[in-house]
Amino acid sequence: GSLSLNYLRPVLISADIVLRADILAVEARTTHLVCHLIA
């Protein structure tokens, strides 16, 4: 439904990446999440 990203620093192509998604809230038809890409 919506996606907003804040690119804080470049990610090296050689990096192993971990994504961590946390559910913030659940409504009848929507789920709100926050995600951190860690490199």
Full PDB file with SEQRES, HELIX, SHEET, SSBOND, CRYST1, ORIGX, SCALE, CONECT and MASTER records, all heavy atoms in Angstrom:
SEQRES   1 A   39  GLY SER LEU SER LEU ASN TYR LEU ARG PRO VAL LEU ILE          
SEQRES   2 A   39  SER ALA ASP ILE VAL LEU ARG ALA ASP ILE LEU ALA VAL          
SEQRES   3 A   39  GLU ALA ARG THR THR HIS LEU VAL CYS HIS LEU ILE ALA          
SHEET    1 AA1 2 VAL A  18  VAL A  26  0                                        
SHEET    2 AA1 2 THR A  31  ILE A  38 -1                                        
CRYST1    1.000    1.000    1.000  90.00  90.00  90.00 P 1           1          
ORIGX1      1.000000  0.000000  0.000000        0.00000                         
ORIGX2      0.000000  1.000000  0.000000        0.00000                         
ORIGX3      0.000000  0.000000  1.000000        0.00000                         
SCALE1      1.000000  0.000000  0.000000        0.00000                         
SCALE2      0.000000  1.000000  0.000000        0.00000                         
SCALE3      0.000000  0.000000  1.000000        0.00000                         
ATOM      1  N   GLY A   1       0.831  -1.201   0.000  1.00  0.00           N  
ATOM      2  CA  GLY A   1       0.000   0.000   0.000  1.00  0.00           C  
ATOM      3  C   GLY A   1       0.866   1.251   0.000  1.00  0.00           C  
ATOM      4  O   GLY A   1       0.582   2.222  -0.683  1.00  0.00           O  
ATOM      5  N   SER A   2       1.941   1.213   0.765  1.00  0.00           N  
ATOM      6  CA  SER A   2       2.904   2.314   0.771  1.00  0.00           C  
ATOM      7  C   SER A   2       4.253   1.778   1.206  1.00  0.00           C  
ATOM      8  O   SER A   2       4.346   0.804   1.964  1.00  0.00           O  
ATOM      9  CB  SER A   2       2.456   3.449   1.696  1.00  0.00           C  
ATOM     10  OG  SER A   2       2.478   3.034   3.042  1.00  0.00           O  
ATOM     11  N   LEU A   3       5.286   2.423   0.690  1.00  0.00           N  
ATOM     12  CA  LEU A   3       6.656   2.057   1.031  1.00  0.00           C  
ATOM     13  C   LEU A   3       7.483   3.336   1.039  1.00  0.00           C  
ATOM     14  O   LEU A   3       7.475   4.080   0.056  1.00  0.00           O  
ATOM     15  CB  LEU A   3       7.230   1.067   0.009  1.00  0.00           C  
ATOM     16  CG  LEU A   3       8.718   0.734   0.124  1.00  0.00           C  
ATOM     17  CD1 LEU A   3       9.045   0.047   1.446  1.00  0.00           C  
ATOM     18  CD2 LEU A   3       9.149  -0.152  -1.051  1.00  0.00           C  
ATOM     19  N   SER A   4       8.133   3.601   2.155  1.00  0.00           N  
ATOM     20  CA  SER A   4       9.054   4.736   2.212  1.00  0.00           C  
ATOM     21  C   SER A   4      10.401   4.230   2.693  1.00  0.00           C  
ATOM     22  O   SER A   4      10.473   3.376   3.590  1.00  0.00           O  
ATOM     23  CB  SER A   4       8.527   5.835   3.135  1.00  0.00           C  
ATOM     24  OG  SER A   4       8.456   5.374   4.464  1.00  0.00           O  
ATOM     25  N   LEU A   5      11.443   4.738   2.055  1.00  0.00           N  
ATOM     26  CA  LEU A   5      12.798   4.288   2.361  1.00  0.00           C  
ATOM     27  C   LEU A   5      13.682   5.480   2.669  1.00  0.00           C  
ATOM     28  O   LEU A   5      13.579   6.514   2.001  1.00  0.00           O  
ATOM     29  CB  LEU A   5      13.401   3.538   1.166  1.00  0.00           C  
ATOM     30  CG  LEU A   5      12.657   2.283   0.757  1.00  0.00           C  
ATOM     31  CD1 LEU A   5      12.211   2.374  -0.664  1.00  0.00           C  
ATOM     32  CD2 LEU A   5      13.557   1.095   0.945  1.00  0.00           C  
ATOM     33  N   ASN A   6      14.536   5.315   3.651  1.00  0.00           N  
ATOM     34  CA  ASN A   6      15.593   6.278   3.946  1.00  0.00           C  
ATOM     35  C   ASN A   6      16.915   5.557   3.743  1.00  0.00           C  
ATOM     36  O   ASN A   6      17.267   4.666   4.526  1.00  0.00           O  
ATOM     37  CB  ASN A   6      15.485   6.806   5.381  1.00  0.00           C  
ATOM     38  CG  ASN A   6      14.288   7.697   5.574  1.00  0.00           C  
ATOM     39  OD1 ASN A   6      13.983   8.511   4.714  1.00  0.00           O  
ATOM     40  ND2 ASN A   6      13.608   7.535   6.691  1.00  0.00           N  
ATOM     41  N   TYR A   7      17.611   5.942   2.669  1.00  0.00           N  
ATOM     42  CA  TYR A   7      18.921   5.371   2.375  1.00  0.00           C  
ATOM     43  C   TYR A   7      19.942   6.140   3.209  1.00  0.00           C  
ATOM     44  O   TYR A   7      20.184   7.320   2.972  1.00  0.00           O  
ATOM     45  CB  TYR A   7      19.229   5.493   0.882  1.00  0.00           C  
ATOM     46  CG  TYR A   7      18.328   4.655   0.004  1.00  0.00           C  
ATOM     47  CD1 TYR A   7      17.108   5.133  -0.447  1.00  0.00           C  
ATOM     48  CD2 TYR A   7      18.722   3.382  -0.391  1.00  0.00           C  
ATOM     49  CE1 TYR A   7      16.290   4.365  -1.261  1.00  0.00           C  
ATOM     50  CE2 TYR A   7      17.913   2.602  -1.214  1.00  0.00           C  
ATOM     51  CZ  TYR A   7      16.697   3.097  -1.641  1.00  0.00           C  
ATOM     52  OH  TYR A   7      15.897   2.336  -2.455  1.00  0.00           O  
ATOM     53  N   LEU A   8      20.528   5.482   4.197  1.00  0.00           N  
ATOM     54  CA  LEU A   8      21.426   6.139   5.139  1.00  0.00           C  
ATOM     55  C   LEU A   8      22.888   6.071   4.714  1.00  0.00           C  
ATOM     56  O   LEU A   8      23.673   6.956   5.045  1.00  0.00           O  
ATOM     57  CB  LEU A   8      21.270   5.515   6.531  1.00  0.00           C  
ATOM     58  CG  LEU A   8      19.836   5.511   7.078  1.00  0.00           C  
ATOM     59  CD1 LEU A   8      19.766   4.713   8.367  1.00  0.00           C  
ATOM     60  CD2 LEU A   8      19.355   6.942   7.268  1.00  0.00           C  
ATOM     61  N   ARG A   9      23.245   5.001   4.022  1.00  0.00           N  
ATOM     62  CA  ARG A   9      24.621   4.833   3.541  1.00  0.00           C  
ATOM     63  C   ARG A   9      24.611   3.842   2.384  1.00  0.00           C  
ATOM     64  O   ARG A   9      23.715   3.002   2.295  1.00  0.00           O  
ATOM     65  CB  ARG A   9      25.546   4.357   4.659  1.00  0.00           C  
ATOM     66  CG  ARG A   9      25.180   3.035   5.276  1.00  0.00           C  
ATOM     67  CD  ARG A   9      26.115   2.544   6.390  1.00  0.00           C  
ATOM     68  NE  ARG A   9      26.672   3.551   7.226  1.00  0.00           N  
ATOM     69  CZ  ARG A   9      26.142   4.005   8.361  1.00  0.00           C  
ATOM     70  NH1 ARG A   9      25.003   3.498   8.785  1.00  0.00           N  
ATOM     71  NH2 ARG A   9      26.731   4.921   9.080  1.00  0.00           N  
ATOM     72  N   PRO A  10      25.587   3.948   1.492  1.00  0.00           N  
ATOM     73  CA  PRO A  10      25.649   2.987   0.384  1.00  0.00           C  
ATOM     74  C   PRO A  10      25.906   1.573   0.901  1.00  0.00           C  
ATOM     75  O   PRO A  10      26.491   1.391   1.973  1.00  0.00           O  
ATOM     76  CB  PRO A  10      26.836   3.470  -0.461  1.00  0.00           C  
ATOM     77  CG  PRO A  10      27.235   4.792   0.078  1.00  0.00           C  
ATOM     78  CD  PRO A  10      26.649   4.933   1.451  1.00  0.00           C  
ATOM     79  N   VAL A  11      25.463   0.603   0.130  1.00  0.00           N  
ATOM     80  CA  VAL A  11      25.643  -0.803   0.484  1.00  0.00           C  
ATOM     81  C   VAL A  11      26.618  -1.420  -0.515  1.00  0.00           C  
ATOM     82  O   VAL A  11      26.376  -1.386  -1.731  1.00  0.00           O  
ATOM     83  CB  VAL A  11      24.297  -1.560   0.442  1.00  0.00           C  
ATOM     84  CG1 VAL A  11      24.502  -3.040   0.749  1.00  0.00           C  
ATOM     85  CG2 VAL A  11      23.299  -0.936   1.407  1.00  0.00           C  
ATOM     86  N   LEU A  12      27.710  -1.946  -0.012  1.00  0.00           N  
ATOM     87  CA  LEU A  12      28.682  -2.580  -0.889  1.00  0.00           C  
ATOM     88  C   LEU A  12      28.075  -3.824  -1.535  1.00  0.00           C  
ATOM     89  O   LEU A  12      27.370  -4.596  -0.877  1.00  0.00           O  
ATOM     90  CB  LEU A  12      29.946  -2.959  -0.118  1.00  0.00           C  
ATOM     91  CG  LEU A  12      30.828  -1.796   0.344  1.00  0.00           C  
ATOM     92  CD1 LEU A  12      31.952  -2.301   1.235  1.00  0.00           C  
ATOM     93  CD2 LEU A  12      31.393  -1.055  -0.869  1.00  0.00           C  
ATOM     94  N   ILE A  13      28.369  -4.015  -2.804  1.00  0.00           N  
ATOM     95  CA  ILE A  13      27.863  -5.176  -3.545  1.00  0.00           C  
ATOM     96  C   ILE A  13      28.396  -6.480  -2.926  1.00  0.00           C  
ATOM     97  O   ILE A  13      27.758  -7.519  -2.999  1.00  0.00           O  
ATOM     98  CB  ILE A  13      28.203  -5.067  -5.047  1.00  0.00           C  
ATOM     99  CG1 ILE A  13      27.369  -6.043  -5.868  1.00  0.00           C  
ATOM    100  CG2 ILE A  13      29.681  -5.278  -5.302  1.00  0.00           C  
ATOM    101  CD1 ILE A  13      25.977  -5.586  -6.130  1.00  0.00           C  
ATOM    102  N   SER A  14      29.528  -6.397  -2.261  1.00  0.00           N  
ATOM    103  CA  SER A  14      30.139  -7.584  -1.653  1.00  0.00           C  
ATOM    104  C   SER A  14      29.594  -7.900  -0.266  1.00  0.00           C  
ATOM    105  O   SER A  14      29.951  -8.923   0.325  1.00  0.00           O  
ATOM    106  CB  SER A  14      31.656  -7.388  -1.569  1.00  0.00           C  
ATOM    107  OG  SER A  14      31.956  -6.248  -0.781  1.00  0.00           O  
ATOM    108  N   ALA A  15      28.707  -7.049   0.248  1.00  0.00           N  
ATOM    109  CA  ALA A  15      28.213  -7.221   1.620  1.00  0.00           C  
ATOM    110  C   ALA A  15      27.160  -8.320   1.713  1.00  0.00           C  
ATOM    111  O   ALA A  15      26.330  -8.481   0.819  1.00  0.00           O  
ATOM    112  CB  ALA A  15      27.615  -5.907   2.128  1.00  0.00           C  
ATOM    113  N   ASP A  16      27.229  -9.066   2.797  1.00  0.00           N  
ATOM    114  CA  ASP A  16      26.121  -9.948   3.149  1.00  0.00           C  
ATOM    115  C   ASP A  16      25.117  -9.074   3.889  1.00  0.00           C  
ATOM    116  O   ASP A  16      25.472  -8.352   4.816  1.00  0.00           O  
ATOM    117  CB  ASP A  16      26.583 -11.103   4.041  1.00  0.00           C  
ATOM    118  CG  ASP A  16      27.341 -12.160   3.263  1.00  0.00           C  
ATOM    119  OD1 ASP A  16      26.987 -12.389   2.089  1.00  0.00           O  
ATOM    120  OD2 ASP A  16      28.277 -12.743   3.821  1.00  0.00           O  
ATOM    121  N   ILE A  17      23.875  -9.167   3.481  1.00  0.00           N  
ATOM    122  CA  ILE A  17      22.830  -8.274   3.971  1.00  0.00           C  
ATOM    123  C   ILE A  17      21.870  -9.042   4.864  1.00  0.00           C  
ATOM    124  O   ILE A  17      21.502 -10.176   4.560  1.00  0.00           O  
ATOM    125  CB  ILE A  17      22.078  -7.666   2.775  1.00  0.00           C  
ATOM    126  CG1 ILE A  17      23.025  -6.749   2.012  1.00  0.00           C  
ATOM    127  CG2 ILE A  17      20.821  -6.930   3.209  1.00  0.00           C  
ATOM    128  CD1 ILE A  17      22.505  -6.358   0.658  1.00  0.00           C  
ATOM    129  N   VAL A  18      21.458  -8.397   5.939  1.00  0.00           N  
ATOM    130  CA  VAL A  18      20.410  -8.929   6.810  1.00  0.00           C  
ATOM    131  C   VAL A  18      19.265  -7.922   6.796  1.00  0.00           C  
ATOM    132  O   VAL A  18      19.484  -6.719   6.977  1.00  0.00           O  
ATOM    133  CB  VAL A  18      20.903  -9.150   8.256  1.00  0.00           C  
ATOM    134  CG1 VAL A  18      19.747  -9.573   9.154  1.00  0.00           C  
ATOM    135  CG2 VAL A  18      22.017 -10.177   8.285  1.00  0.00           C  
ATOM    136  N   LEU A  19      18.068  -8.418   6.559  1.00  0.00           N  
ATOM    137  CA  LEU A  19      16.862  -7.608   6.647  1.00  0.00           C  
ATOM    138  C   LEU A  19      16.126  -8.014   7.913  1.00  0.00           C  
ATOM    139  O   LEU A  19      15.959  -9.207   8.178  1.00  0.00           O  
ATOM    140  CB  LEU A  19      15.955  -7.847   5.440  1.00  0.00           C  
ATOM    141  CG  LEU A  19      16.577  -7.552   4.078  1.00  0.00           C  
ATOM    142  CD1 LEU A  19      15.762  -8.192   2.973  1.00  0.00           C  
ATOM    143  CD2 LEU A  19      16.694  -6.070   3.876  1.00  0.00           C  
ATOM    144  N   ARG A  20      15.687  -7.001   8.678  1.00  0.00           N  
ATOM    145  CA  ARG A  20      14.942  -7.263   9.907  1.00  0.00           C  
ATOM    146  C   ARG A  20      13.640  -6.484   9.817  1.00  0.00           C  
ATOM    147  O   ARG A  20      13.652  -5.251   9.829  1.00  0.00           O  
ATOM    148  CB  ARG A  20      15.753  -6.811  11.110  1.00  0.00           C  
ATOM    149  CG  ARG A  20      15.062  -7.013  12.425  1.00  0.00           C  
ATOM    150  CD  ARG A  20      15.878  -6.416  13.577  1.00  0.00           C  
ATOM    151  NE  ARG A  20      15.123  -6.490  14.789  1.00  0.00           N  
ATOM    152  CZ  ARG A  20      15.262  -7.442  15.701  1.00  0.00           C  
ATOM    153  NH1 ARG A  20      16.134  -8.390  15.530  1.00  0.00           N  
ATOM    154  NH2 ARG A  20      14.511  -7.432  16.781  1.00  0.00           N  
ATOM    155  N   ALA A  21      12.528  -7.204   9.710  1.00  0.00           N  
ATOM    156  CA  ALA A  21      11.206  -6.573   9.631  1.00  0.00           C  
ATOM    157  C   ALA A  21      10.474  -6.801  10.945  1.00  0.00           C  
ATOM    158  O   ALA A  21      10.431  -7.922  11.459  1.00  0.00           O  
ATOM    159  CB  ALA A  21      10.395  -7.154   8.478  1.00  0.00           C  
ATOM    160  N   ASP A  22       9.918  -5.717  11.470  1.00  0.00           N  
ATOM    161  CA  ASP A  22       9.140  -5.775  12.707  1.00  0.00           C  
ATOM    162  C   ASP A  22       7.725  -5.296  12.423  1.00  0.00           C  
ATOM    163  O   ASP A  22       7.533  -4.247  11.797  1.00  0.00           O  
ATOM    164  CB  ASP A  22       9.767  -4.871  13.778  1.00  0.00           C  
ATOM    165  CG  ASP A  22      11.123  -5.371  14.217  1.00  0.00           C  
ATOM    166  OD1 ASP A  22      11.169  -6.431  14.873  1.00  0.00           O  
ATOM    167  OD2 ASP A  22      12.138  -4.712  13.904  1.00  0.00           O  
ATOM    168  N   ILE A  23       6.748  -6.066  12.886  1.00  0.00           N  
ATOM    169  CA  ILE A  23       5.350  -5.669  12.742  1.00  0.00           C  
ATOM    170  C   ILE A  23       5.048  -4.628  13.805  1.00  0.00           C  
ATOM    171  O   ILE A  23       5.249  -4.862  14.996  1.00  0.00           O  
ATOM    172  CB  ILE A  23       4.418  -6.887  12.884  1.00  0.00           C  
ATOM    173  CG1 ILE A  23       4.708  -7.887  11.756  1.00  0.00           C  
ATOM    174  CG2 ILE A  23       2.955  -6.458  12.894  1.00  0.00           C  
ATOM    175  CD1 ILE A  23       4.026  -9.219  11.914  1.00  0.00           C  
ATOM    176  N   LEU A  24       4.566  -3.470  13.351  1.00  0.00           N  
ATOM    177  CA  LEU A  24       4.241  -2.381  14.268  1.00  0.00           C  
ATOM    178  C   LEU A  24       2.781  -2.414  14.696  1.00  0.00           C  
ATOM    179  O   LEU A  24       2.468  -2.167  15.859  1.00  0.00           O  
ATOM    180  CB  LEU A  24       4.535  -1.033  13.609  1.00  0.00           C  
ATOM    181  CG  LEU A  24       5.981  -0.779  13.200  1.00  0.00           C  
ATOM    182  CD1 LEU A  24       6.093   0.550  12.468  1.00  0.00           C  
ATOM    183  CD2 LEU A  24       6.894  -0.810  14.423  1.00  0.00           C  
ATOM    184  N   ALA A  25       1.883  -2.676  13.733  1.00  0.00           N  
ATOM    185  CA  ALA A  25       0.442  -2.668  14.024  1.00  0.00           C  
ATOM    186  C   ALA A  25      -0.282  -3.491  12.974  1.00  0.00           C  
ATOM    187  O   ALA A  25       0.129  -3.551  11.818  1.00  0.00           O  
ATOM    188  CB  ALA A  25      -0.099  -1.240  14.020  1.00  0.00           C  
ATOM    189  N   VAL A  26      -1.373  -4.111  13.408  1.00  0.00           N  
ATOM    190  CA  VAL A  26      -2.222  -4.887  12.517  1.00  0.00           C  
ATOM    191  C   VAL A  26      -3.641  -4.363  12.632  1.00  0.00           C  
ATOM    192  O   VAL A  26      -4.153  -4.207  13.750  1.00  0.00           O  
ATOM    193  CB  VAL A  26      -2.178  -6.393  12.857  1.00  0.00           C  
ATOM    194  CG1 VAL A  26      -3.124  -7.183  11.965  1.00  0.00           C  
ATOM    195  CG2 VAL A  26      -0.756  -6.922  12.760  1.00  0.00           C  
ATOM    196  N   GLU A  27      -4.245  -4.072  11.484  1.00  0.00           N  
ATOM    197  CA  GLU A  27      -5.635  -3.633  11.429  1.00  0.00           C  
ATOM    198  C   GLU A  27      -6.406  -4.669  10.607  1.00  0.00           C  
ATOM    199  O   GLU A  27      -5.845  -5.680  10.199  1.00  0.00           O  
ATOM    200  CB  GLU A  27      -5.702  -2.243  10.808  1.00  0.00           C  
ATOM    201  CG  GLU A  27      -4.939  -1.196  11.626  1.00  0.00           C  
ATOM    202  CD  GLU A  27      -4.730   0.115  10.897  1.00  0.00           C  
ATOM    203  OE1 GLU A  27      -5.273   0.283   9.781  1.00  0.00           O  
ATOM    204  OE2 GLU A  27      -4.004   0.966  11.438  1.00  0.00           O  
ATOM    205  N   ALA A  28      -7.674  -4.414  10.360  1.00  0.00           N  
ATOM    206  CA  ALA A  28      -8.528  -5.392   9.672  1.00  0.00           C  
ATOM    207  C   ALA A  28      -7.920  -5.877   8.355  1.00  0.00           C  
ATOM    208  O   ALA A  28      -7.883  -7.075   8.092  1.00  0.00           O  
ATOM    209  CB  ALA A  28      -9.912  -4.794   9.434  1.00  0.00           C  
ATOM    210  N   ARG A  29      -7.449  -4.960   7.520  1.00  0.00           N  
ATOM    211  CA  ARG A  29      -6.911  -5.345   6.210  1.00  0.00           C  
ATOM    212  C   ARG A  29      -5.498  -4.851   5.962  1.00  0.00           C  
ATOM    213  O   ARG A  29      -4.980  -4.979   4.869  1.00  0.00           O  
ATOM    214  CB  ARG A  29      -7.810  -4.804   5.107  1.00  0.00           C  
ATOM    215  CG  ARG A  29      -9.183  -5.477   5.049  1.00  0.00           C  
ATOM    216  CD  ARG A  29      -9.878  -5.071   3.796  1.00  0.00           C  
ATOM    217  NE  ARG A  29      -8.853  -4.741   2.826  1.00  0.00           N  
ATOM    218  CZ  ARG A  29      -8.983  -4.704   1.536  1.00  0.00           C  
ATOM    219  NH1 ARG A  29     -10.102  -4.924   1.011  1.00  0.00           N  
ATOM    220  NH2 ARG A  29      -7.990  -4.399   0.731  1.00  0.00           N  
ATOM    221  N   THR A  30      -4.867  -4.256   6.971  1.00  0.00           N  
ATOM    222  CA  THR A  30      -3.526  -3.714   6.768  1.00  0.00           C  
ATOM    223  C   THR A  30      -2.591  -4.145   7.890  1.00  0.00           C  
ATOM    224  O   THR A  30      -3.006  -4.366   9.027  1.00  0.00           O  
ATOM    225  CB  THR A  30      -3.534  -2.170   6.697  1.00  0.00           C  
ATOM    226  OG1 THR A  30      -4.079  -1.650   7.905  1.00  0.00           O  
ATOM    227  CG2 THR A  30      -4.326  -1.669   5.508  1.00  0.00           C  
ATOM    228  N   THR A  31      -1.338  -4.247   7.521  1.00  0.00           N  
ATOM    229  CA  THR A  31      -0.266  -4.513   8.475  1.00  0.00           C  
ATOM    230  C   THR A  31       0.804  -3.456   8.243  1.00  0.00           C  
ATOM    231  O   THR A  31       1.204  -3.217   7.103  1.00  0.00           O  
ATOM    232  CB  THR A  31       0.314  -5.924   8.289  1.00  0.00           C  
ATOM    233  OG1 THR A  31      -0.740  -6.883   8.441  1.00  0.00           O  
ATOM    234  CG2 THR A  31       1.411  -6.217   9.301  1.00  0.00           C  
ATOM    235  N   HIS A  32       1.246  -2.833   9.324  1.00  0.00           N  
ATOM    236  CA  HIS A  32       2.273  -1.794   9.251  1.00  0.00           C  
ATOM    237  C   HIS A  32       3.573  -2.381   9.792  1.00  0.00           C  
ATOM    238  O   HIS A  32       3.587  -2.982  10.870  1.00  0.00           O  
ATOM    239  CB  HIS A  32       1.856  -0.572  10.069  1.00  0.00           C  
ATOM    240  CG  HIS A  32       0.538  -0.015   9.636  1.00  0.00           C  
ATOM    241  ND1 HIS A  32       0.407   0.850   8.573  1.00  0.00           N  
ATOM    242  CD2 HIS A  32      -0.713  -0.223  10.107  1.00  0.00           C  
ATOM    243  CE1 HIS A  32      -0.867   1.169   8.422  1.00  0.00           C  
ATOM    244  NE2 HIS A  32      -1.567   0.514   9.334  1.00  0.00           N  
ATOM    245  N   LEU A  33       4.642  -2.189   9.015  1.00  0.00           N  
ATOM    246  CA  LEU A  33       5.934  -2.764   9.382  1.00  0.00           C  
ATOM    247  C   LEU A  33       7.038  -1.728   9.257  1.00  0.00           C  
ATOM    248  O   LEU A  33       6.918  -0.765   8.495  1.00  0.00           O  
ATOM    249  CB  LEU A  33       6.281  -3.938   8.456  1.00  0.00           C  
ATOM    250  CG  LEU A  33       5.284  -5.070   8.369  1.00  0.00           C  
ATOM    251  CD1 LEU A  33       4.461  -4.954   7.110  1.00  0.00           C  
ATOM    252  CD2 LEU A  33       5.981  -6.401   8.397  1.00  0.00           C  
ATOM    253  N   VAL A  34       8.119  -1.968   9.973  1.00  0.00           N  
ATOM    254  CA  VAL A  34       9.358  -1.221   9.807  1.00  0.00           C  
ATOM    255  C   VAL A  34      10.426  -2.257   9.475  1.00  0.00           C  
ATOM    256  O   VAL A  34      10.386  -3.393   9.975  1.00  0.00           O  
ATOM    257  CB  VAL A  34       9.720  -0.402  11.064  1.00  0.00           C  
ATOM    258  CG1 VAL A  34       9.986  -1.283  12.255  1.00  0.00           C  
ATOM    259  CG2 VAL A  34      10.895   0.514  10.797  1.00  0.00           C  
ATOM    260  N   CYS A  35      11.350  -1.873   8.595  1.00  0.00           N  
ATOM    261  CA  CYS A  35      12.392  -2.806   8.181  1.00  0.00           C  
ATOM    262  C   CYS A  35      13.738  -2.095   8.178  1.00  0.00           C  
ATOM    263  O   CYS A  35      13.837  -0.941   7.743  1.00  0.00           O  
ATOM    264  CB  CYS A  35      12.080  -3.357   6.787  1.00  0.00           C  
ATOM    265  SG  CYS A  35      13.213  -4.657   6.246  1.00  0.00           S  
ATOM    266  N   HIS A  36      14.742  -2.782   8.656  1.00  0.00           N  
ATOM    267  CA  HIS A  36      16.117  -2.270   8.628  1.00  0.00           C  
ATOM    268  C   HIS A  36      16.951  -3.205   7.761  1.00  0.00           C  
ATOM    269  O   HIS A  36      16.929  -4.425   7.968  1.00  0.00           O  
ATOM    270  CB  HIS A  36      16.704  -2.204  10.037  1.00  0.00           C  
ATOM    271  CG  HIS A  36      16.024  -1.195  10.887  1.00  0.00           C  
ATOM    272  ND1 HIS A  36      14.939  -1.494  11.670  1.00  0.00           N  
ATOM    273  CD2 HIS A  36      16.258   0.126  11.043  1.00  0.00           C  
ATOM    274  CE1 HIS A  36      14.540  -0.400  12.296  1.00  0.00           C  
ATOM    275  NE2 HIS A  36      15.311   0.598  11.924  1.00  0.00           N  
ATOM    276  N   LEU A  37      17.653  -2.621   6.805  1.00  0.00           N  
ATOM    277  CA  LEU A  37      18.622  -3.367   6.013  1.00  0.00           C  
ATOM    278  C   LEU A  37      19.977  -3.108   6.650  1.00  0.00           C  
ATOM    279  O   LEU A  37      20.416  -1.959   6.757  1.00  0.00           O  
ATOM    280  CB  LEU A  37      18.611  -2.906   4.553  1.00  0.00           C  
ATOM    281  CG  LEU A  37      19.533  -3.677   3.614  1.00  0.00           C  
ATOM    282  CD1 LEU A  37      18.934  -3.755   2.226  1.00  0.00           C  
ATOM    283  CD2 LEU A  37      20.922  -3.067   3.561  1.00  0.00           C  
ATOM    284  N   ILE A  38      20.607  -4.181   7.079  1.00  0.00           N  
ATOM    285  CA  ILE A  38      21.877  -4.090   7.797  1.00  0.00           C  
ATOM    286  C   ILE A  38      22.963  -4.704   6.927  1.00  0.00           C  
ATOM    287  O   ILE A  38      22.835  -5.836   6.451  1.00  0.00           O  
ATOM    288  CB  ILE A  38      21.778  -4.814   9.152  1.00  0.00           C  
ATOM    289  CG1 ILE A  38      20.650  -4.189   9.979  1.00  0.00           C  
ATOM    290  CG2 ILE A  38      23.111  -4.779   9.901  1.00  0.00           C  
ATOM    291  CD1 ILE A  38      20.129  -5.057  11.098  1.00  0.00           C  
ATOM    292  N   ALA A  39      24.014  -3.918   6.700  1.00  0.00           N  
ATOM    293  CA  ALA A  39      25.163  -4.381   5.922  1.00  0.00           C  
ATOM    294  C   ALA A  39      26.417  -4.008   6.693  1.00  0.00           C  
ATOM    295  O   ALA A  39      26.528  -2.886   7.210  1.00  0.00           O  
ATOM    296  CB  ALA A  39      25.174  -3.731   4.545  1.00  0.00           C  
TER     297      ALA A  39                                                      
MASTER        0    0    0    0    2    0    0    6  296    1    0    3          
END                                                                             
